[in-house]
């Protein structure tokens, strides 16, 4: 089980054309909500962003919120480089990492 704190994550759709950046204190629960389209009118549901391609843990949710805001201000190219550095195949990390949670 992952420690509490905060997480910044990036989701995309099947064709990797849309990026969604989020923040949460419970990564397992939040990604499950995205995958189940719990909020049908939300951006991630409308654009079918349910593939987890990047996440990073912070020691506190406050720290994660600050990091999320900074990341949202960065260019798409920067975000793609971030994803490529840790997940060059843009695999759904949910498939590999959920067992760790």
N, C-alpha and C. Protein backbone atom coordinates (compact mmCIF):
# COMPACT_ATOMS: atom_id res chain seq x y z
N UNK A 1 0.84 -1.18 0.00
CA UNK A 1 0.00 0.00 0.00
C UNK A 1 0.89 1.25 0.00
N UNK A 2 0.60 2.20 -0.86
CA UNK A 2 1.39 3.43 -0.91
C UNK A 2 1.11 4.29 0.31
N UNK A 3 2.10 5.01 0.72
CA UNK A 3 1.95 5.91 1.87
C UNK A 3 1.06 7.08 1.50
N UNK A 4 0.42 7.64 2.51
CA UNK A 4 -0.36 8.85 2.28
C UNK A 4 0.59 9.99 2.01
N UNK A 5 0.08 10.99 1.47
CA UNK A 5 0.85 12.15 1.05
C UNK A 5 0.09 12.75 -0.10
N UNK A 6 0.75 13.02 -1.17
CA UNK A 6 0.07 13.54 -2.34
C UNK A 6 0.70 12.99 -3.59
N UNK A 7 -0.10 12.95 -4.64
CA UNK A 7 0.36 12.44 -5.92
C UNK A 7 -0.07 13.40 -7.02
N UNK A 8 0.81 13.61 -7.97
CA UNK A 8 0.46 14.29 -9.21
C UNK A 8 0.50 13.21 -10.27
N UNK A 9 -0.50 13.21 -11.14
CA UNK A 9 -0.57 12.15 -12.14
C UNK A 9 -0.99 12.73 -13.49
N UNK A 10 -0.64 12.00 -14.53
CA UNK A 10 -1.04 12.38 -15.88
C UNK A 10 -1.77 11.20 -16.50
N UNK A 11 -2.95 11.48 -17.03
CA UNK A 11 -3.73 10.51 -17.77
C UNK A 11 -3.78 10.93 -19.23
N UNK A 12 -4.00 9.97 -20.09
CA UNK A 12 -4.21 10.26 -21.50
C UNK A 12 -5.28 9.33 -22.04
N UNK A 13 -5.63 9.52 -23.31
CA UNK A 13 -6.60 8.65 -23.95
C UNK A 13 -5.86 7.56 -24.74
N UNK A 14 -6.60 6.70 -25.44
CA UNK A 14 -5.98 5.58 -26.16
C UNK A 14 -4.96 6.03 -27.19
N UNK A 15 -5.22 7.15 -27.87
CA UNK A 15 -4.32 7.62 -28.93
C UNK A 15 -3.28 8.62 -28.42
N UNK A 16 -3.26 8.86 -27.12
CA UNK A 16 -2.29 9.78 -26.48
C UNK A 16 -2.39 11.21 -27.02
N UNK A 17 -3.58 11.62 -27.40
CA UNK A 17 -3.75 12.96 -27.96
C UNK A 17 -4.16 14.01 -26.94
N UNK A 18 -4.67 13.57 -25.80
CA UNK A 18 -5.12 14.49 -24.76
C UNK A 18 -4.39 14.16 -23.47
N UNK A 19 -3.94 15.18 -22.76
CA UNK A 19 -3.31 14.98 -21.45
C UNK A 19 -4.17 15.60 -20.37
N UNK A 20 -4.34 14.88 -19.29
CA UNK A 20 -5.08 15.37 -18.12
C UNK A 20 -4.14 15.26 -16.94
N UNK A 21 -3.99 16.35 -16.21
CA UNK A 21 -3.13 16.37 -15.03
C UNK A 21 -4.01 16.52 -13.79
N UNK A 22 -3.76 15.66 -12.81
CA UNK A 22 -4.55 15.71 -11.59
C UNK A 22 -3.67 15.57 -10.36
N UNK A 23 -4.32 15.78 -9.21
CA UNK A 23 -3.64 15.65 -7.92
C UNK A 23 -4.60 14.94 -6.98
N UNK A 24 -4.05 14.11 -6.10
CA UNK A 24 -4.88 13.37 -5.16
C UNK A 24 -4.06 12.92 -3.97
N UNK A 25 -4.74 12.59 -2.89
CA UNK A 25 -4.06 11.99 -1.74
C UNK A 25 -4.25 10.48 -1.74
N UNK A 26 -5.12 9.98 -2.62
CA UNK A 26 -5.39 8.54 -2.70
C UNK A 26 -5.37 8.14 -4.17
N UNK A 27 -4.21 7.78 -4.66
CA UNK A 27 -4.02 7.50 -6.09
C UNK A 27 -4.88 6.32 -6.55
N UNK A 28 -4.92 5.26 -5.78
CA UNK A 28 -5.71 4.09 -6.16
C UNK A 28 -7.17 4.46 -6.36
N UNK A 29 -7.73 5.14 -5.39
CA UNK A 29 -9.16 5.51 -5.46
C UNK A 29 -9.42 6.45 -6.63
N UNK A 30 -8.56 7.43 -6.81
CA UNK A 30 -8.80 8.43 -7.85
C UNK A 30 -8.69 7.84 -9.25
N UNK A 31 -7.70 6.99 -9.48
CA UNK A 31 -7.55 6.40 -10.81
C UNK A 31 -8.71 5.44 -11.07
N UNK A 32 -9.15 4.73 -10.05
CA UNK A 32 -10.33 3.88 -10.19
C UNK A 32 -11.53 4.72 -10.62
N UNK A 33 -11.72 5.88 -10.02
CA UNK A 33 -12.82 6.76 -10.40
C UNK A 33 -12.71 7.18 -11.87
N UNK A 34 -11.51 7.52 -12.31
CA UNK A 34 -11.32 7.87 -13.72
C UNK A 34 -11.67 6.69 -14.63
N UNK A 35 -11.18 5.52 -14.29
CA UNK A 35 -11.39 4.35 -15.14
C UNK A 35 -12.86 3.95 -15.20
N UNK A 36 -13.60 4.22 -14.14
CA UNK A 36 -15.03 3.89 -14.10
C UNK A 36 -15.90 5.06 -14.57
N UNK A 37 -15.27 6.15 -14.97
CA UNK A 37 -15.98 7.37 -15.41
C UNK A 37 -17.04 7.78 -14.39
N UNK A 38 -16.60 7.86 -13.13
CA UNK A 38 -17.50 8.18 -12.03
C UNK A 38 -18.17 9.55 -12.22
N UNK A 39 -17.44 10.48 -12.83
CA UNK A 39 -17.98 11.82 -13.06
C UNK A 39 -18.12 12.02 -14.57
N UNK A 40 -19.26 11.61 -15.15
CA UNK A 40 -19.42 11.57 -16.61
C UNK A 40 -19.24 12.92 -17.32
N UNK A 41 -19.48 14.02 -16.65
CA UNK A 41 -19.34 15.32 -17.28
C UNK A 41 -17.96 15.92 -17.16
N UNK A 42 -17.06 15.23 -16.49
CA UNK A 42 -15.73 15.77 -16.24
C UNK A 42 -14.88 15.75 -17.51
N UNK A 43 -13.82 16.56 -17.52
CA UNK A 43 -12.91 16.63 -18.66
C UNK A 43 -12.36 15.25 -18.99
N UNK A 44 -11.89 14.54 -17.97
CA UNK A 44 -11.26 13.24 -18.23
C UNK A 44 -12.25 12.24 -18.81
N UNK A 45 -13.49 12.29 -18.38
CA UNK A 45 -14.51 11.37 -18.93
C UNK A 45 -14.89 11.78 -20.35
N UNK A 46 -15.08 13.06 -20.59
CA UNK A 46 -15.47 13.53 -21.92
C UNK A 46 -14.43 13.18 -22.97
N UNK A 47 -13.16 13.23 -22.60
CA UNK A 47 -12.07 12.96 -23.55
C UNK A 47 -11.46 11.58 -23.37
N UNK A 48 -12.14 10.73 -22.63
CA UNK A 48 -11.70 9.33 -22.42
C UNK A 48 -10.27 9.22 -21.92
N UNK A 49 -9.91 10.08 -20.99
CA UNK A 49 -8.57 10.03 -20.38
C UNK A 49 -8.64 9.08 -19.18
N UNK A 50 -8.24 7.85 -19.40
CA UNK A 50 -8.25 6.89 -18.30
C UNK A 50 -7.02 6.00 -18.31
N UNK A 51 -6.01 6.39 -19.07
CA UNK A 51 -4.75 5.65 -19.12
C UNK A 51 -3.70 6.41 -18.31
N UNK A 52 -3.26 5.81 -17.21
CA UNK A 52 -2.27 6.42 -16.32
C UNK A 52 -0.88 6.26 -16.92
N UNK A 53 -0.27 7.37 -17.35
CA UNK A 53 1.05 7.29 -17.98
C UNK A 53 2.17 7.88 -17.13
N UNK A 54 1.81 8.57 -16.04
CA UNK A 54 2.83 9.18 -15.19
C UNK A 54 2.23 9.47 -13.82
N UNK A 55 3.03 9.26 -12.79
CA UNK A 55 2.65 9.74 -11.46
C UNK A 55 3.90 9.91 -10.63
N UNK A 56 3.80 10.79 -9.66
CA UNK A 56 4.90 11.02 -8.74
C UNK A 56 4.31 11.30 -7.36
N UNK A 57 4.97 10.79 -6.35
CA UNK A 57 4.50 10.95 -4.98
C UNK A 57 5.24 12.08 -4.29
N UNK A 58 4.50 12.83 -3.48
CA UNK A 58 5.07 13.91 -2.65
C UNK A 58 4.75 13.60 -1.19
N UNK A 59 5.51 14.18 -0.30
CA UNK A 59 5.34 13.89 1.12
C UNK A 59 4.05 14.47 1.70
N UNK A 60 3.51 15.49 1.05
CA UNK A 60 2.25 16.06 1.54
C UNK A 60 1.37 16.45 0.36
N UNK A 61 0.08 16.53 0.61
CA UNK A 61 -0.85 16.94 -0.44
C UNK A 61 -0.60 18.39 -0.83
N UNK A 62 -0.21 19.21 0.13
CA UNK A 62 0.06 20.63 -0.18
C UNK A 62 1.21 20.74 -1.18
N UNK A 63 2.25 19.95 -0.97
CA UNK A 63 3.38 19.95 -1.89
C UNK A 63 2.95 19.46 -3.28
N UNK A 64 2.08 18.46 -3.31
CA UNK A 64 1.59 17.92 -4.58
C UNK A 64 0.75 18.95 -5.34
N UNK A 65 -0.06 19.70 -4.62
CA UNK A 65 -0.90 20.72 -5.26
C UNK A 65 -0.04 21.79 -5.91
N UNK A 66 1.01 22.20 -5.23
CA UNK A 66 1.94 23.20 -5.79
C UNK A 66 2.59 22.65 -7.06
N UNK A 67 3.03 21.40 -7.00
CA UNK A 67 3.67 20.77 -8.16
C UNK A 67 2.70 20.62 -9.32
N UNK A 68 1.45 20.28 -9.02
CA UNK A 68 0.43 20.13 -10.07
C UNK A 68 0.21 21.46 -10.79
N UNK A 69 0.11 22.53 -10.04
CA UNK A 69 -0.10 23.85 -10.66
C UNK A 69 1.07 24.23 -11.56
N UNK A 70 2.27 23.95 -11.11
CA UNK A 70 3.46 24.24 -11.93
C UNK A 70 3.45 23.40 -13.21
N UNK A 71 3.10 22.13 -13.08
CA UNK A 71 3.09 21.24 -14.23
C UNK A 71 2.04 21.66 -15.25
N UNK A 72 0.89 22.09 -14.77
CA UNK A 72 -0.17 22.53 -15.68
C UNK A 72 0.26 23.74 -16.51
N UNK A 73 1.16 24.54 -15.97
CA UNK A 73 1.65 25.72 -16.67
C UNK A 73 2.73 25.40 -17.71
N UNK A 74 3.26 24.20 -17.68
CA UNK A 74 4.33 23.82 -18.60
C UNK A 74 3.76 23.45 -19.96
N UNK A 75 4.62 23.43 -20.97
CA UNK A 75 4.21 23.10 -22.34
C UNK A 75 3.89 21.61 -22.47
N UNK A 76 3.15 21.29 -23.50
CA UNK A 76 2.87 19.88 -23.78
C UNK A 76 4.18 19.14 -24.02
N UNK A 77 5.11 19.77 -24.72
CA UNK A 77 6.41 19.13 -25.00
C UNK A 77 7.10 18.74 -23.70
N UNK A 78 7.10 19.62 -22.72
CA UNK A 78 7.71 19.34 -21.42
C UNK A 78 7.03 18.12 -20.78
N UNK A 79 5.70 18.11 -20.81
CA UNK A 79 4.95 17.00 -20.21
C UNK A 79 5.25 15.68 -20.93
N UNK A 80 5.35 15.74 -22.25
CA UNK A 80 5.70 14.54 -23.01
C UNK A 80 7.10 14.05 -22.64
N UNK A 81 8.04 14.96 -22.45
CA UNK A 81 9.39 14.58 -22.06
C UNK A 81 9.39 13.93 -20.68
N UNK A 82 8.58 14.44 -19.80
CA UNK A 82 8.45 13.88 -18.45
C UNK A 82 7.94 12.43 -18.53
N UNK A 83 6.91 12.23 -19.32
CA UNK A 83 6.35 10.89 -19.50
C UNK A 83 7.38 9.98 -20.15
N UNK A 84 8.00 10.45 -21.23
CA UNK A 84 8.97 9.63 -21.96
C UNK A 84 10.16 9.20 -21.10
N UNK A 85 10.55 10.03 -20.15
CA UNK A 85 11.70 9.71 -19.29
C UNK A 85 11.43 8.48 -18.42
N UNK A 86 10.20 8.31 -17.97
CA UNK A 86 9.90 7.20 -17.07
C UNK A 86 9.03 6.12 -17.71
N UNK A 87 8.36 6.45 -18.81
CA UNK A 87 7.42 5.52 -19.43
C UNK A 87 7.44 5.73 -20.95
N UNK A 88 8.56 5.40 -21.61
CA UNK A 88 8.72 5.71 -23.03
C UNK A 88 7.69 5.06 -23.95
N UNK A 89 7.10 3.96 -23.52
CA UNK A 89 6.09 3.29 -24.34
C UNK A 89 4.68 3.80 -24.07
N UNK A 90 4.56 4.71 -23.12
CA UNK A 90 3.26 5.26 -22.73
C UNK A 90 2.29 4.14 -22.37
N UNK A 91 2.80 3.15 -21.65
CA UNK A 91 1.96 2.05 -21.18
C UNK A 91 1.05 2.57 -20.07
N UNK A 92 -0.07 1.88 -19.88
CA UNK A 92 -0.94 2.19 -18.76
C UNK A 92 -0.29 1.65 -17.50
N UNK A 93 0.22 2.54 -16.66
CA UNK A 93 0.92 2.13 -15.45
C UNK A 93 0.00 1.43 -14.46
N UNK A 94 -1.27 1.65 -14.60
CA UNK A 94 -2.25 0.97 -13.76
C UNK A 94 -2.05 -0.54 -13.87
N UNK A 95 -1.83 -1.01 -15.09
CA UNK A 95 -1.68 -2.44 -15.32
C UNK A 95 -0.47 -3.02 -14.59
N UNK A 96 0.61 -2.27 -14.52
CA UNK A 96 1.84 -2.76 -13.89
C UNK A 96 1.93 -2.41 -12.40
N UNK A 97 1.47 -1.22 -12.04
CA UNK A 97 1.74 -0.70 -10.70
C UNK A 97 0.61 -0.90 -9.69
N UNK A 98 -0.60 -1.21 -10.14
CA UNK A 98 -1.72 -1.31 -9.20
C UNK A 98 -1.46 -2.37 -8.14
N UNK A 99 -0.72 -3.41 -8.47
CA UNK A 99 -0.44 -4.46 -7.48
C UNK A 99 0.42 -3.95 -6.33
N UNK A 100 1.16 -2.85 -6.56
CA UNK A 100 2.00 -2.25 -5.51
C UNK A 100 1.17 -1.47 -4.51
N UNK A 101 -0.03 -1.10 -4.94
CA UNK A 101 -0.85 -0.23 -4.09
C UNK A 101 -1.70 -1.03 -3.15
